């Protein structure tokens, strides 16, 4: 989740994707 408007509309955003990329190997596969 993210508190930005784009995430509220689309379920993803640059902010959440940033963390997905940074943490890639440490996330369960379904959250990568």
ModelCIF file with pLDDT and N, C-alpha, C, O atoms, coordinates in Angstrom:
data_MODEL
#
_entry.id   MODEL 
#
_entity.id                         1 
_entity.type                       polymer 
_entity.pdbx_number_of_molecules   1 
#
_entity_poly.entity_id                      1 
_entity_poly.type                           'polypeptide(L)' 
_entity_poly.nstd_linkage                   no 
_entity_poly.nstd_monomer                   no 
_entity_poly.pdbx_seq_one_letter_code       
;(UNK)(UNK)(UNK)(UNK)(UNK)(UNK)(UNK)(UNK)(UNK)(UNK)(UNK)(UNK)(UNK)(UNK)(UNK)(UNK)
(UNK)(UNK)(UNK)(UNK)(UNK)(UNK)(UNK)(UNK)(UNK)(UNK)(UNK)(UNK)(UNK)(UNK)(UNK)(UNK)
;
_entity_poly.pdbx_seq_one_letter_code_can   XXXXXXXXXXXXXXXXXXXXXXXXXXXXXXXX 
_entity_poly.pdbx_strand_id                 A 
#
loop_
_entity_poly_seq.entity_id 
_entity_poly_seq.num 
_entity_poly_seq.mon_id 
_entity_poly_seq.hetero 
1 1  UNK n 
1 2  UNK n 
1 3  UNK n 
1 4  UNK n 
1 5  UNK n 
1 6  UNK n 
1 7  UNK n 
1 8  UNK n 
1 9  UNK n 
1 10 UNK n 
1 11 UNK n 
1 12 UNK n 
1 13 UNK n 
1 14 UNK n 
1 15 UNK n 
1 16 UNK n 
1 17 UNK n 
1 18 UNK n 
1 19 UNK n 
1 20 UNK n 
1 21 UNK n 
1 22 UNK n 
1 23 UNK n 
1 24 UNK n 
1 25 UNK n 
1 26 UNK n 
1 27 UNK n 
1 28 UNK n 
1 29 UNK n 
1 30 UNK n 
1 31 UNK n 
1 32 UNK n 
#
_struct_asym.id          A 
_struct_asym.entity_id   1 
#
loop_
_ma_qa_metric.id 
_ma_qa_metric.mode 
_ma_qa_metric.name 
_ma_qa_metric.software_group_id 
_ma_qa_metric.type 
1 global pLDDT . pLDDT 
2 local  pLDDT . pLDDT 
#
_ma_qa_metric_global.metric_id      1 
_ma_qa_metric_global.metric_value   90.38 
_ma_qa_metric_global.model_id       1 
_ma_qa_metric_global.ordinal_id     1 
#
loop_
_ma_qa_metric_local.label_asym_id 
_ma_qa_metric_local.label_comp_id 
_ma_qa_metric_local.label_seq_id 
_ma_qa_metric_local.metric_id 
_ma_qa_metric_local.metric_value 
_ma_qa_metric_local.model_id 
_ma_qa_metric_local.ordinal_id 
A UNK 1  2 96.00 1 1  
A UNK 2  2 97.00 1 2  
A UNK 3  2 97.00 1 3  
A UNK 4  2 96.00 1 4  
A UNK 5  2 95.00 1 5  
A UNK 6  2 96.00 1 6  
A UNK 7  2 96.00 1 7  
A UNK 8  2 96.00 1 8  
A UNK 9  2 96.00 1 9  
A UNK 10 2 95.00 1 10 
A UNK 11 2 93.00 1 11 
A UNK 12 2 94.00 1 12 
A UNK 13 2 94.00 1 13 
A UNK 14 2 94.00 1 14 
A UNK 15 2 95.00 1 15 
A UNK 16 2 94.00 1 16 
A UNK 17 2 93.00 1 17 
A UNK 18 2 93.00 1 18 
A UNK 19 2 93.00 1 19 
A UNK 20 2 91.00 1 20 
A UNK 21 2 90.00 1 21 
A UNK 22 2 90.00 1 22 
A UNK 23 2 88.00 1 23 
A UNK 24 2 83.00 1 24 
A UNK 25 2 80.00 1 25 
A UNK 26 2 83.00 1 26 
A UNK 27 2 83.00 1 27 
A UNK 28 2 81.00 1 28 
A UNK 29 2 80.00 1 29 
A UNK 30 2 81.00 1 30 
A UNK 31 2 80.00 1 31 
A UNK 32 2 79.00 1 32 
#
loop_
_atom_site.group_PDB 
_atom_site.id 
_atom_site.type_symbol 
_atom_site.label_atom_id 
_atom_site.label_alt_id 
_atom_site.label_comp_id 
_atom_site.label_asym_id 
_atom_site.label_entity_id 
_atom_site.label_seq_id 
_atom_site.pdbx_PDB_ins_code 
_atom_site.Cartn_x 
_atom_site.Cartn_y 
_atom_site.Cartn_z 
_atom_site.occupancy 
_atom_site.B_iso_or_equiv 
_atom_site.pdbx_formal_charge 
_atom_site.auth_seq_id 
_atom_site.auth_comp_id 
_atom_site.auth_asym_id 
_atom_site.auth_atom_id 
_atom_site.pdbx_PDB_model_num 
ATOM 1   N N  . UNK A 1 1  ? 0.855  -1.186  0.000  1.00 96.00 ? 1  UNK A N  1 
ATOM 2   C CA . UNK A 1 1  ? 0.000  0.000   0.000  1.00 96.00 ? 1  UNK A CA 1 
ATOM 3   C C  . UNK A 1 1  ? 0.891  1.237   0.000  1.00 96.00 ? 1  UNK A C  1 
ATOM 4   O O  . UNK A 1 1  ? 2.030  1.206   0.468  1.00 96.00 ? 1  UNK A O  1 
ATOM 5   N N  . UNK A 1 2  ? 0.352  2.311   -0.529 1.00 97.00 ? 2  UNK A N  1 
ATOM 6   C CA . UNK A 1 2  ? 1.041  3.603   -0.506 1.00 97.00 ? 2  UNK A CA 1 
ATOM 7   C C  . UNK A 1 2  ? -0.024 4.668   -0.331 1.00 97.00 ? 2  UNK A C  1 
ATOM 8   O O  . UNK A 1 2  ? -1.157 4.505   -0.784 1.00 97.00 ? 2  UNK A O  1 
ATOM 9   N N  . UNK A 1 3  ? 0.337  5.749   0.321  1.00 97.00 ? 3  UNK A N  1 
ATOM 10  C CA . UNK A 1 3  ? -0.639 6.803   0.561  1.00 97.00 ? 3  UNK A CA 1 
ATOM 11  C C  . UNK A 1 3  ? -0.775 7.793   -0.598 1.00 97.00 ? 3  UNK A C  1 
ATOM 12  O O  . UNK A 1 3  ? -1.451 8.811   -0.456 1.00 97.00 ? 3  UNK A O  1 
ATOM 13  N N  . UNK A 1 4  ? -0.138 7.508   -1.749 1.00 96.00 ? 4  UNK A N  1 
ATOM 14  C CA . UNK A 1 4  ? -0.275 8.417   -2.888 1.00 96.00 ? 4  UNK A CA 1 
ATOM 15  C C  . UNK A 1 4  ? -1.567 8.131   -3.654 1.00 96.00 ? 4  UNK A C  1 
ATOM 16  O O  . UNK A 1 4  ? -2.147 7.050   -3.548 1.00 96.00 ? 4  UNK A O  1 
ATOM 17  N N  . UNK A 1 5  ? -1.998 9.120   -4.424 1.00 95.00 ? 5  UNK A N  1 
ATOM 18  C CA . UNK A 1 5  ? -3.249 8.993   -5.177 1.00 95.00 ? 5  UNK A CA 1 
ATOM 19  C C  . UNK A 1 5  ? -3.160 7.947   -6.283 1.00 95.00 ? 5  UNK A C  1 
ATOM 20  O O  . UNK A 1 5  ? -4.138 7.253   -6.560 1.00 95.00 ? 5  UNK A O  1 
ATOM 21  N N  . UNK A 1 6  ? -2.000 7.828   -6.915 1.00 96.00 ? 6  UNK A N  1 
ATOM 22  C CA . UNK A 1 6  ? -1.856 6.878   -8.024 1.00 96.00 ? 6  UNK A CA 1 
ATOM 23  C C  . UNK A 1 6  ? -2.081 5.452   -7.524 1.00 96.00 ? 6  UNK A C  1 
ATOM 24  O O  . UNK A 1 6  ? -2.761 4.662   -8.179 1.00 96.00 ? 6  UNK A O  1 
ATOM 25  N N  . UNK A 1 7  ? -1.513 5.126   -6.375 1.00 96.00 ? 7  UNK A N  1 
ATOM 26  C CA . UNK A 1 7  ? -1.682 3.777   -5.814 1.00 96.00 ? 7  UNK A CA 1 
ATOM 27  C C  . UNK A 1 7  ? -3.147 3.498   -5.502 1.00 96.00 ? 7  UNK A C  1 
ATOM 28  O O  . UNK A 1 7  ? -3.632 2.387   -5.716 1.00 96.00 ? 7  UNK A O  1 
ATOM 29  N N  . UNK A 1 8  ? -3.838 4.491   -5.005 1.00 96.00 ? 8  UNK A N  1 
ATOM 30  C CA . UNK A 1 8  ? -5.261 4.317   -4.683 1.00 96.00 ? 8  UNK A CA 1 
ATOM 31  C C  . UNK A 1 8  ? -6.063 3.976   -5.937 1.00 96.00 ? 8  UNK A C  1 
ATOM 32  O O  . UNK A 1 8  ? -7.025 3.210   -5.871 1.00 96.00 ? 8  UNK A O  1 
ATOM 33  N N  . UNK A 1 9  ? -5.673 4.537   -7.068 1.00 96.00 ? 9  UNK A N  1 
ATOM 34  C CA . UNK A 1 9  ? -6.400 4.301   -8.318 1.00 96.00 ? 9  UNK A CA 1 
ATOM 35  C C  . UNK A 1 9  ? -5.962 3.029   -9.044 1.00 96.00 ? 9  UNK A C  1 
ATOM 36  O O  . UNK A 1 9  ? -6.787 2.352   -9.658 1.00 96.00 ? 9  UNK A O  1 
ATOM 37  N N  . UNK A 1 10 ? -4.663 2.698   -8.978 1.00 95.00 ? 10 UNK A N  1 
ATOM 38  C CA . UNK A 1 10 ? -4.122 1.623   -9.805 1.00 95.00 ? 10 UNK A CA 1 
ATOM 39  C C  . UNK A 1 10 ? -3.566 0.423   -9.034 1.00 95.00 ? 10 UNK A C  1 
ATOM 40  O O  . UNK A 1 10 ? -3.225 -0.592  -9.641 1.00 95.00 ? 10 UNK A O  1 
ATOM 41  N N  . UNK A 1 11 ? -3.473 0.525   -7.723 1.00 93.00 ? 11 UNK A N  1 
ATOM 42  C CA . UNK A 1 11 ? -2.972 -0.589  -6.926 1.00 93.00 ? 11 UNK A CA 1 
ATOM 43  C C  . UNK A 1 11 ? -1.470 -0.772  -6.968 1.00 93.00 ? 11 UNK A C  1 
ATOM 44  O O  . UNK A 1 11 ? -0.944 -1.742  -6.423 1.00 93.00 ? 11 UNK A O  1 
ATOM 45  N N  . UNK A 1 12 ? -0.778 0.149   -7.609 1.00 94.00 ? 12 UNK A N  1 
ATOM 46  C CA . UNK A 1 12 ? 0.681  0.169   -7.632 1.00 94.00 ? 12 UNK A CA 1 
ATOM 47  C C  . UNK A 1 12 ? 1.119  1.601   -7.895 1.00 94.00 ? 12 UNK A C  1 
ATOM 48  O O  . UNK A 1 12 ? 0.307  2.443   -8.282 1.00 94.00 ? 12 UNK A O  1 
ATOM 49  N N  . UNK A 1 13 ? 2.387  1.876   -7.688 1.00 94.00 ? 13 UNK A N  1 
ATOM 50  C CA . UNK A 1 13 ? 2.904  3.220   -7.930 1.00 94.00 ? 13 UNK A CA 1 
ATOM 51  C C  . UNK A 1 13 ? 4.423  3.162   -7.949 1.00 94.00 ? 13 UNK A C  1 
ATOM 52  O O  . UNK A 1 13 ? 5.023  2.132   -7.643 1.00 94.00 ? 13 UNK A O  1 
ATOM 53  N N  . UNK A 1 14 ? 5.033  4.279   -8.311 1.00 94.00 ? 14 UNK A N  1 
ATOM 54  C CA . UNK A 1 14 ? 6.493  4.318   -8.359 1.00 94.00 ? 14 UNK A CA 1 
ATOM 55  C C  . UNK A 1 14 ? 7.110  4.107   -6.977 1.00 94.00 ? 14 UNK A C  1 
ATOM 56  O O  . UNK A 1 14 ? 8.227  3.601   -6.868 1.00 94.00 ? 14 UNK A O  1 
ATOM 57  N N  . UNK A 1 15 ? 6.400  4.487   -5.935 1.00 95.00 ? 15 UNK A N  1 
ATOM 58  C CA . UNK A 1 15 ? 6.940  4.361   -4.577 1.00 95.00 ? 15 UNK A CA 1 
ATOM 59  C C  . UNK A 1 15 ? 6.984  2.892   -4.148 1.00 95.00 ? 15 UNK A C  1 
ATOM 60  O O  . UNK A 1 15 ? 7.999  2.434   -3.625 1.00 95.00 ? 15 UNK A O  1 
ATOM 61  N N  . UNK A 1 16 ? 5.902  2.158   -4.363 1.00 94.00 ? 16 UNK A N  1 
ATOM 62  C CA . UNK A 1 16 ? 5.896  0.741   -3.994 1.00 94.00 ? 16 UNK A CA 1 
ATOM 63  C C  . UNK A 1 16 ? 6.819  -0.060  -4.913 1.00 94.00 ? 16 UNK A C  1 
ATOM 64  O O  . UNK A 1 16 ? 7.476  -0.999  -4.463 1.00 94.00 ? 16 UNK A O  1 
ATOM 65  N N  . UNK A 1 17 ? 6.874  0.304   -6.197 1.00 93.00 ? 17 UNK A N  1 
ATOM 66  C CA . UNK A 1 17 ? 7.778  -0.398  -7.115 1.00 93.00 ? 17 UNK A CA 1 
ATOM 67  C C  . UNK A 1 17 ? 9.241  -0.156  -6.767 1.00 93.00 ? 17 UNK A C  1 
ATOM 68  O O  . UNK A 1 17 ? 10.085 -1.024  -6.991 1.00 93.00 ? 17 UNK A O  1 
ATOM 69  N N  . UNK A 1 18 ? 9.544  1.020   -6.220 1.00 93.00 ? 18 UNK A N  1 
ATOM 70  C CA . UNK A 1 18 ? 10.909 1.300   -5.764 1.00 93.00 ? 18 UNK A CA 1 
ATOM 71  C C  . UNK A 1 18 ? 11.319 0.298   -4.697 1.00 93.00 ? 18 UNK A C  1 
ATOM 72  O O  . UNK A 1 18 ? 12.408 -0.273  -4.762 1.00 93.00 ? 18 UNK A O  1 
ATOM 73  N N  . UNK A 1 19 ? 10.456 0.086   -3.721 1.00 93.00 ? 19 UNK A N  1 
ATOM 74  C CA . UNK A 1 19 ? 10.780 -0.862  -2.661 1.00 93.00 ? 19 UNK A CA 1 
ATOM 75  C C  . UNK A 1 19 ? 10.842 -2.295  -3.177 1.00 93.00 ? 19 UNK A C  1 
ATOM 76  O O  . UNK A 1 19 ? 11.685 -3.074  -2.733 1.00 93.00 ? 19 UNK A O  1 
ATOM 77  N N  . UNK A 1 20 ? 9.970  -2.649  -4.098 1.00 91.00 ? 20 UNK A N  1 
ATOM 78  C CA . UNK A 1 20 ? 10.022 -3.985  -4.688 1.00 91.00 ? 20 UNK A CA 1 
ATOM 79  C C  . UNK A 1 20 ? 11.372 -4.217  -5.361 1.00 91.00 ? 20 UNK A C  1 
ATOM 80  O O  . UNK A 1 20 ? 11.960 -5.291  -5.233 1.00 91.00 ? 20 UNK A O  1 
ATOM 81  N N  . UNK A 1 21 ? 11.853 -3.221  -6.070 1.00 90.00 ? 21 UNK A N  1 
ATOM 82  C CA . UNK A 1 21 ? 13.145 -3.365  -6.748 1.00 90.00 ? 21 UNK A CA 1 
ATOM 83  C C  . UNK A 1 21 ? 14.299 -3.418  -5.751 1.00 90.00 ? 21 UNK A C  1 
ATOM 84  O O  . UNK A 1 21 ? 15.215 -4.226  -5.900 1.00 90.00 ? 21 UNK A O  1 
ATOM 85  N N  . UNK A 1 22 ? 14.256 -2.559  -4.737 1.00 90.00 ? 22 UNK A N  1 
ATOM 86  C CA . UNK A 1 22 ? 15.335 -2.536  -3.746 1.00 90.00 ? 22 UNK A CA 1 
ATOM 87  C C  . UNK A 1 22 ? 15.415 -3.828  -2.938 1.00 90.00 ? 22 UNK A C  1 
ATOM 88  O O  . UNK A 1 22 ? 16.505 -4.300  -2.617 1.00 90.00 ? 22 UNK A O  1 
ATOM 89  N N  . UNK A 1 23 ? 14.271 -4.389  -2.615 1.00 88.00 ? 23 UNK A N  1 
ATOM 90  C CA . UNK A 1 23 ? 14.205 -5.533  -1.709 1.00 88.00 ? 23 UNK A CA 1 
ATOM 91  C C  . UNK A 1 23 ? 13.999 -6.868  -2.428 1.00 88.00 ? 23 UNK A C  1 
ATOM 92  O O  . UNK A 1 23 ? 13.793 -7.895  -1.780 1.00 88.00 ? 23 UNK A O  1 
ATOM 93  N N  . UNK A 1 24 ? 14.053 -6.859  -3.733 1.00 83.00 ? 24 UNK A N  1 
ATOM 94  C CA . UNK A 1 24 ? 13.678 -7.979  -4.588 1.00 83.00 ? 24 UNK A CA 1 
ATOM 95  C C  . UNK A 1 24 ? 13.973 -9.354  -4.000 1.00 83.00 ? 24 UNK A C  1 
ATOM 96  O O  . UNK A 1 24 ? 13.041 -10.126 -3.777 1.00 83.00 ? 24 UNK A O  1 
ATOM 97  N N  . UNK A 1 25 ? 15.212 -9.680  -3.745 1.00 80.00 ? 25 UNK A N  1 
ATOM 98  C CA . UNK A 1 25 ? 15.583 -11.023 -3.302 1.00 80.00 ? 25 UNK A CA 1 
ATOM 99  C C  . UNK A 1 25 ? 15.087 -11.359 -1.900 1.00 80.00 ? 25 UNK A C  1 
ATOM 100 O O  . UNK A 1 25 ? 15.033 -12.530 -1.524 1.00 80.00 ? 25 UNK A O  1 
ATOM 101 N N  . UNK A 1 26 ? 14.726 -10.345 -1.131 1.00 83.00 ? 26 UNK A N  1 
ATOM 102 C CA . UNK A 1 26 ? 14.284 -10.589 0.239  1.00 83.00 ? 26 UNK A CA 1 
ATOM 103 C C  . UNK A 1 26 ? 12.767 -10.694 0.357  1.00 83.00 ? 26 UNK A C  1 
ATOM 104 O O  . UNK A 1 26 ? 12.238 -10.887 1.451  1.00 83.00 ? 26 UNK A O  1 
ATOM 105 N N  . UNK A 1 27 ? 12.073 -10.567 -0.766 1.00 83.00 ? 27 UNK A N  1 
ATOM 106 C CA . UNK A 1 27 ? 10.615 -10.644 -0.757 1.00 83.00 ? 27 UNK A CA 1 
ATOM 107 C C  . UNK A 1 27 ? 10.149 -12.021 -1.211 1.00 83.00 ? 27 UNK A C  1 
ATOM 108 O O  . UNK A 1 27 ? 10.800 -12.650 -2.045 1.00 83.00 ? 27 UNK A O  1 
ATOM 109 N N  . UNK A 1 28 ? 9.035  -12.492 -0.674 1.00 81.00 ? 28 UNK A N  1 
ATOM 110 C CA . UNK A 1 28 ? 8.448  -13.708 -1.229 1.00 81.00 ? 28 UNK A CA 1 
ATOM 111 C C  . UNK A 1 28 ? 8.157  -13.481 -2.709 1.00 81.00 ? 28 UNK A C  1 
ATOM 112 O O  . UNK A 1 28 ? 7.868  -12.354 -3.112 1.00 81.00 ? 28 UNK A O  1 
ATOM 113 N N  . UNK A 1 29 ? 8.226  -14.512 -3.509 1.00 80.00 ? 29 UNK A N  1 
ATOM 114 C CA . UNK A 1 29 ? 8.116  -14.358 -4.968 1.00 80.00 ? 29 UNK A CA 1 
ATOM 115 C C  . UNK A 1 29 ? 6.855  -13.615 -5.401 1.00 80.00 ? 29 UNK A C  1 
ATOM 116 O O  . UNK A 1 29 ? 6.898  -12.861 -6.373 1.00 80.00 ? 29 UNK A O  1 
ATOM 117 N N  . UNK A 1 30 ? 5.750  -13.805 -4.715 1.00 81.00 ? 30 UNK A N  1 
ATOM 118 C CA . UNK A 1 30 ? 4.506  -13.143 -5.121 1.00 81.00 ? 30 UNK A CA 1 
ATOM 119 C C  . UNK A 1 30 ? 4.522  -11.638 -4.861 1.00 81.00 ? 30 UNK A C  1 
ATOM 120 O O  . UNK A 1 30 ? 3.642  -10.931 -5.352 1.00 81.00 ? 30 UNK A O  1 
ATOM 121 N N  . UNK A 1 31 ? 5.484  -11.132 -4.112 1.00 80.00 ? 31 UNK A N  1 
ATOM 122 C CA . UNK A 1 31 ? 5.565  -9.700  -3.824 1.00 80.00 ? 31 UNK A CA 1 
ATOM 123 C C  . UNK A 1 31 ? 6.693  -9.010  -4.572 1.00 80.00 ? 31 UNK A C  1 
ATOM 124 O O  . UNK A 1 31 ? 6.904  -7.807  -4.421 1.00 80.00 ? 31 UNK A O  1 
ATOM 125 N N  . UNK A 1 32 ? 7.413  -9.769  -5.375 1.00 79.00 ? 32 UNK A N  1 
ATOM 126 C CA . UNK A 1 32 ? 8.502  -9.193  -6.171 1.00 79.00 ? 32 UNK A CA 1 
ATOM 127 C C  . UNK A 1 32 ? 7.938  -8.452  -7.378 1.00 79.00 ? 32 UNK A C  1 
ATOM 128 O O  . UNK A 1 32 ? 8.698  -7.897  -8.172 1.00 79.00 ? 32 UNK A O  1 
#
